[in-house]
Amino acid sequence: MADLKALFEQAAQDIKTLSERPDNDTLLRLYALYKQGAEGDVSGPKPGFFDFVGTAKYEAWAKLKGTPQEEAMQKYIDLVKKLTA
């Protein structure tokens, strides 16, 4: 788990160095996987109706409810590797 956590944290740094911004769907997937890996299942109230970005992020994260944190971390790492290749 310690190795996975270190790889996860490194991937979070690596994603900041992308030369090209990913599309919005990929960004939402990255956000959701990161939050699920770092914090577990979605928590807190859903953002207000007019907070479109916040709502999209919340819903993307909520779709991963029940996914083990380790699995989310690995999927995040794999996606970052694909994007940085």
N, C-alpha and C. Protein backbone atom coordinates (compact mmCIF):
# COMPACT_ATOMS: atom_id res chain seq x y z
N MET A 1 0.83 -1.20 0.00
CA MET A 1 0.00 0.00 0.00
C MET A 1 0.87 1.26 0.00
N ALA A 2 1.97 1.22 0.74
CA ALA A 2 2.85 2.39 0.80
C ALA A 2 3.41 2.72 -0.58
N ASP A 3 3.79 1.67 -1.34
CA ASP A 3 4.30 1.88 -2.69
C ASP A 3 3.22 2.46 -3.59
N LEU A 4 2.01 1.94 -3.48
CA LEU A 4 0.89 2.43 -4.28
C LEU A 4 0.61 3.90 -3.95
N LYS A 5 0.64 4.23 -2.68
CA LYS A 5 0.40 5.62 -2.25
C LYS A 5 1.47 6.54 -2.82
N ALA A 6 2.72 6.10 -2.81
CA ALA A 6 3.81 6.91 -3.35
C ALA A 6 3.64 7.10 -4.86
N LEU A 7 3.27 6.04 -5.56
CA LEU A 7 3.03 6.13 -7.01
C LEU A 7 1.85 7.06 -7.30
N PHE A 8 0.82 6.97 -6.47
CA PHE A 8 -0.37 7.81 -6.61
C PHE A 8 0.01 9.29 -6.44
N GLU A 9 0.79 9.58 -5.42
CA GLU A 9 1.22 10.96 -5.18
C GLU A 9 2.12 11.47 -6.30
N GLN A 10 2.98 10.58 -6.83
CA GLN A 10 3.84 10.97 -7.94
C GLN A 10 3.01 11.25 -9.19
N ALA A 11 1.99 10.42 -9.43
CA ALA A 11 1.11 10.63 -10.58
C ALA A 11 0.39 11.97 -10.47
N ALA A 12 0.00 12.34 -9.25
CA ALA A 12 -0.67 13.62 -9.03
C ALA A 12 0.27 14.79 -9.38
N GLN A 13 1.56 14.61 -9.16
CA GLN A 13 2.53 15.64 -9.55
C GLN A 13 2.78 15.61 -11.06
N ASP A 14 2.88 14.40 -11.62
CA ASP A 14 3.16 14.24 -13.05
C ASP A 14 2.07 14.86 -13.92
N ILE A 15 0.82 14.77 -13.47
CA ILE A 15 -0.29 15.27 -14.28
C ILE A 15 -0.20 16.79 -14.47
N LYS A 16 0.47 17.46 -13.55
CA LYS A 16 0.61 18.91 -13.62
C LYS A 16 1.57 19.35 -14.72
N THR A 17 2.35 18.41 -15.26
CA THR A 17 3.36 18.76 -16.25
C THR A 17 2.95 18.40 -17.68
N LEU A 18 1.68 18.07 -17.88
CA LEU A 18 1.24 17.72 -19.23
C LEU A 18 1.44 18.90 -20.18
N SER A 19 1.88 18.60 -21.38
CA SER A 19 2.08 19.67 -22.36
C SER A 19 0.76 20.10 -22.98
N GLU A 20 -0.22 19.21 -22.97
CA GLU A 20 -1.52 19.50 -23.57
C GLU A 20 -2.62 19.21 -22.56
N ARG A 21 -3.59 20.11 -22.48
CA ARG A 21 -4.70 19.93 -21.54
C ARG A 21 -5.63 18.83 -22.05
N PRO A 22 -5.95 17.85 -21.19
CA PRO A 22 -6.89 16.80 -21.60
C PRO A 22 -8.30 17.36 -21.81
N ASP A 23 -9.14 16.60 -22.52
CA ASP A 23 -10.52 17.04 -22.72
C ASP A 23 -11.27 16.99 -21.38
N ASN A 24 -12.43 17.61 -21.36
CA ASN A 24 -13.19 17.72 -20.11
C ASN A 24 -13.59 16.38 -19.51
N ASP A 25 -13.96 15.41 -20.36
CA ASP A 25 -14.32 14.08 -19.84
C ASP A 25 -13.14 13.43 -19.13
N THR A 26 -11.96 13.57 -19.71
CA THR A 26 -10.76 13.00 -19.10
C THR A 26 -10.43 13.73 -17.80
N LEU A 27 -10.58 15.04 -17.79
CA LEU A 27 -10.33 15.81 -16.57
C LEU A 27 -11.28 15.39 -15.45
N LEU A 28 -12.55 15.17 -15.79
CA LEU A 28 -13.51 14.72 -14.78
C LEU A 28 -13.15 13.33 -14.27
N ARG A 29 -12.70 12.46 -15.17
CA ARG A 29 -12.30 11.10 -14.77
C ARG A 29 -11.10 11.18 -13.83
N LEU A 30 -10.12 12.01 -14.18
CA LEU A 30 -8.95 12.20 -13.32
C LEU A 30 -9.36 12.71 -11.94
N TYR A 31 -10.23 13.71 -11.93
CA TYR A 31 -10.69 14.29 -10.67
C TYR A 31 -11.37 13.23 -9.81
N ALA A 32 -12.29 12.49 -10.42
CA ALA A 32 -13.06 11.49 -9.67
C ALA A 32 -12.16 10.39 -9.12
N LEU A 33 -11.24 9.90 -9.95
CA LEU A 33 -10.33 8.85 -9.49
C LEU A 33 -9.42 9.36 -8.38
N TYR A 34 -8.96 10.60 -8.53
CA TYR A 34 -8.10 11.17 -7.49
C TYR A 34 -8.85 11.28 -6.16
N LYS A 35 -10.05 11.85 -6.21
CA LYS A 35 -10.83 12.02 -4.98
C LYS A 35 -11.18 10.68 -4.35
N GLN A 36 -11.56 9.70 -5.18
CA GLN A 36 -11.91 8.38 -4.64
C GLN A 36 -10.68 7.73 -4.03
N GLY A 37 -9.53 7.87 -4.69
CA GLY A 37 -8.30 7.29 -4.17
C GLY A 37 -7.82 7.98 -2.90
N ALA A 38 -7.96 9.28 -2.84
CA ALA A 38 -7.47 10.04 -1.70
C ALA A 38 -8.43 10.05 -0.51
N GLU A 39 -9.73 10.11 -0.79
CA GLU A 39 -10.71 10.31 0.28
C GLU A 39 -11.73 9.20 0.43
N GLY A 40 -11.87 8.35 -0.57
CA GLY A 40 -12.91 7.32 -0.52
C GLY A 40 -14.21 7.84 -1.11
N ASP A 41 -15.32 7.25 -0.70
CA ASP A 41 -16.62 7.61 -1.27
C ASP A 41 -16.95 9.09 -1.07
N VAL A 42 -17.70 9.62 -2.04
CA VAL A 42 -18.12 11.01 -2.03
C VAL A 42 -18.81 11.35 -0.72
N SER A 43 -18.54 12.57 -0.25
CA SER A 43 -19.15 13.02 0.99
C SER A 43 -19.52 14.49 0.85
N GLY A 44 -20.34 14.95 1.75
CA GLY A 44 -20.74 16.34 1.71
C GLY A 44 -21.93 16.55 0.80
N PRO A 45 -22.53 17.73 0.89
CA PRO A 45 -23.71 18.02 0.08
C PRO A 45 -23.34 18.25 -1.39
N LYS A 46 -24.28 17.92 -2.25
CA LYS A 46 -24.09 18.17 -3.68
C LYS A 46 -24.12 19.68 -3.91
N PRO A 47 -23.22 20.19 -4.77
CA PRO A 47 -23.21 21.64 -5.04
C PRO A 47 -24.55 22.12 -5.59
N GLY A 48 -24.78 23.40 -5.48
CA GLY A 48 -26.02 24.01 -5.95
C GLY A 48 -26.24 23.86 -7.45
N PHE A 49 -27.47 24.04 -7.86
CA PHE A 49 -27.89 23.85 -9.25
C PHE A 49 -27.07 24.69 -10.23
N PHE A 50 -26.74 25.90 -9.86
CA PHE A 50 -26.04 26.79 -10.79
C PHE A 50 -24.52 26.63 -10.75
N ASP A 51 -24.02 25.77 -9.89
CA ASP A 51 -22.59 25.47 -9.85
C ASP A 51 -22.35 24.27 -10.78
N PHE A 52 -22.31 24.55 -12.07
CA PHE A 52 -22.24 23.48 -13.07
C PHE A 52 -20.96 22.66 -12.96
N VAL A 53 -19.84 23.32 -12.77
CA VAL A 53 -18.56 22.61 -12.67
C VAL A 53 -18.53 21.77 -11.39
N GLY A 54 -18.92 22.37 -10.28
CA GLY A 54 -18.95 21.64 -9.02
C GLY A 54 -19.87 20.44 -9.07
N THR A 55 -21.03 20.60 -9.71
CA THR A 55 -21.98 19.50 -9.84
C THR A 55 -21.40 18.39 -10.70
N ALA A 56 -20.76 18.75 -11.80
CA ALA A 56 -20.16 17.74 -12.69
C ALA A 56 -19.08 16.96 -11.95
N LYS A 57 -18.26 17.66 -11.18
CA LYS A 57 -17.21 16.99 -10.41
C LYS A 57 -17.81 16.06 -9.36
N TYR A 58 -18.81 16.56 -8.65
CA TYR A 58 -19.47 15.76 -7.61
C TYR A 58 -20.07 14.49 -8.21
N GLU A 59 -20.77 14.64 -9.33
CA GLU A 59 -21.43 13.49 -9.95
C GLU A 59 -20.41 12.49 -10.49
N ALA A 60 -19.30 12.97 -11.04
CA ALA A 60 -18.26 12.06 -11.53
C ALA A 60 -17.68 11.26 -10.37
N TRP A 61 -17.45 11.91 -9.25
CA TRP A 61 -16.92 11.24 -8.06
C TRP A 61 -17.97 10.26 -7.50
N ALA A 62 -19.23 10.67 -7.47
CA ALA A 62 -20.30 9.83 -6.93
C ALA A 62 -20.45 8.53 -7.72
N LYS A 63 -20.15 8.56 -9.01
CA LYS A 63 -20.24 7.35 -9.84
C LYS A 63 -19.27 6.27 -9.38
N LEU A 64 -18.23 6.66 -8.68
CA LEU A 64 -17.22 5.71 -8.21
C LEU A 64 -17.51 5.19 -6.80
N LYS A 65 -18.65 5.57 -6.25
CA LYS A 65 -19.00 5.13 -4.89
C LYS A 65 -18.91 3.62 -4.79
N GLY A 66 -18.24 3.16 -3.76
CA GLY A 66 -18.06 1.72 -3.54
C GLY A 66 -16.78 1.16 -4.13
N THR A 67 -16.09 1.95 -4.96
CA THR A 67 -14.81 1.52 -5.52
C THR A 67 -13.75 1.61 -4.42
N PRO A 68 -13.02 0.52 -4.19
CA PRO A 68 -11.97 0.57 -3.16
C PRO A 68 -10.93 1.65 -3.49
N GLN A 69 -10.41 2.30 -2.46
CA GLN A 69 -9.44 3.37 -2.67
C GLN A 69 -8.22 2.88 -3.44
N GLU A 70 -7.75 1.68 -3.14
CA GLU A 70 -6.56 1.15 -3.82
C GLU A 70 -6.83 0.97 -5.32
N GLU A 71 -8.02 0.52 -5.67
CA GLU A 71 -8.38 0.35 -7.08
C GLU A 71 -8.43 1.70 -7.78
N ALA A 72 -9.02 2.70 -7.13
CA ALA A 72 -9.09 4.04 -7.71
C ALA A 72 -7.69 4.62 -7.89
N MET A 73 -6.82 4.40 -6.91
CA MET A 73 -5.44 4.88 -7.02
C MET A 73 -4.76 4.26 -8.24
N GLN A 74 -4.90 2.95 -8.40
CA GLN A 74 -4.25 2.27 -9.52
C GLN A 74 -4.80 2.75 -10.85
N LYS A 75 -6.11 2.95 -10.95
CA LYS A 75 -6.70 3.45 -12.19
C LYS A 75 -6.22 4.87 -12.48
N TYR A 76 -6.07 5.68 -11.46
CA TYR A 76 -5.56 7.04 -11.62
C TYR A 76 -4.13 7.00 -12.15
N ILE A 77 -3.30 6.17 -11.52
CA ILE A 77 -1.90 6.02 -11.95
C ILE A 77 -1.84 5.58 -13.41
N ASP A 78 -2.65 4.59 -13.77
CA ASP A 78 -2.66 4.08 -15.14
C ASP A 78 -3.09 5.15 -16.14
N LEU A 79 -4.10 5.93 -15.79
CA LEU A 79 -4.57 6.99 -16.69
C LEU A 79 -3.52 8.08 -16.85
N VAL A 80 -2.87 8.46 -15.77
CA VAL A 80 -1.81 9.47 -15.85
C VAL A 80 -0.66 8.96 -16.72
N LYS A 81 -0.28 7.70 -16.54
CA LYS A 81 0.80 7.13 -17.38
C LYS A 81 0.42 7.19 -18.85
N LYS A 82 -0.83 6.88 -19.15
CA LYS A 82 -1.30 6.91 -20.54
C LYS A 82 -1.23 8.33 -21.10
N LEU A 83 -1.61 9.31 -20.30
CA LEU A 83 -1.62 10.70 -20.75
C LEU A 83 -0.22 11.29 -20.87
N THR A 84 0.71 10.80 -20.07
CA THR A 84 2.07 11.35 -20.10
C THR A 84 2.99 10.59 -21.04
N ALA A 85 2.49 9.52 -21.63
CA ALA A 85 3.33 8.70 -22.54
C ALA A 85 3.57 9.41 -23.86
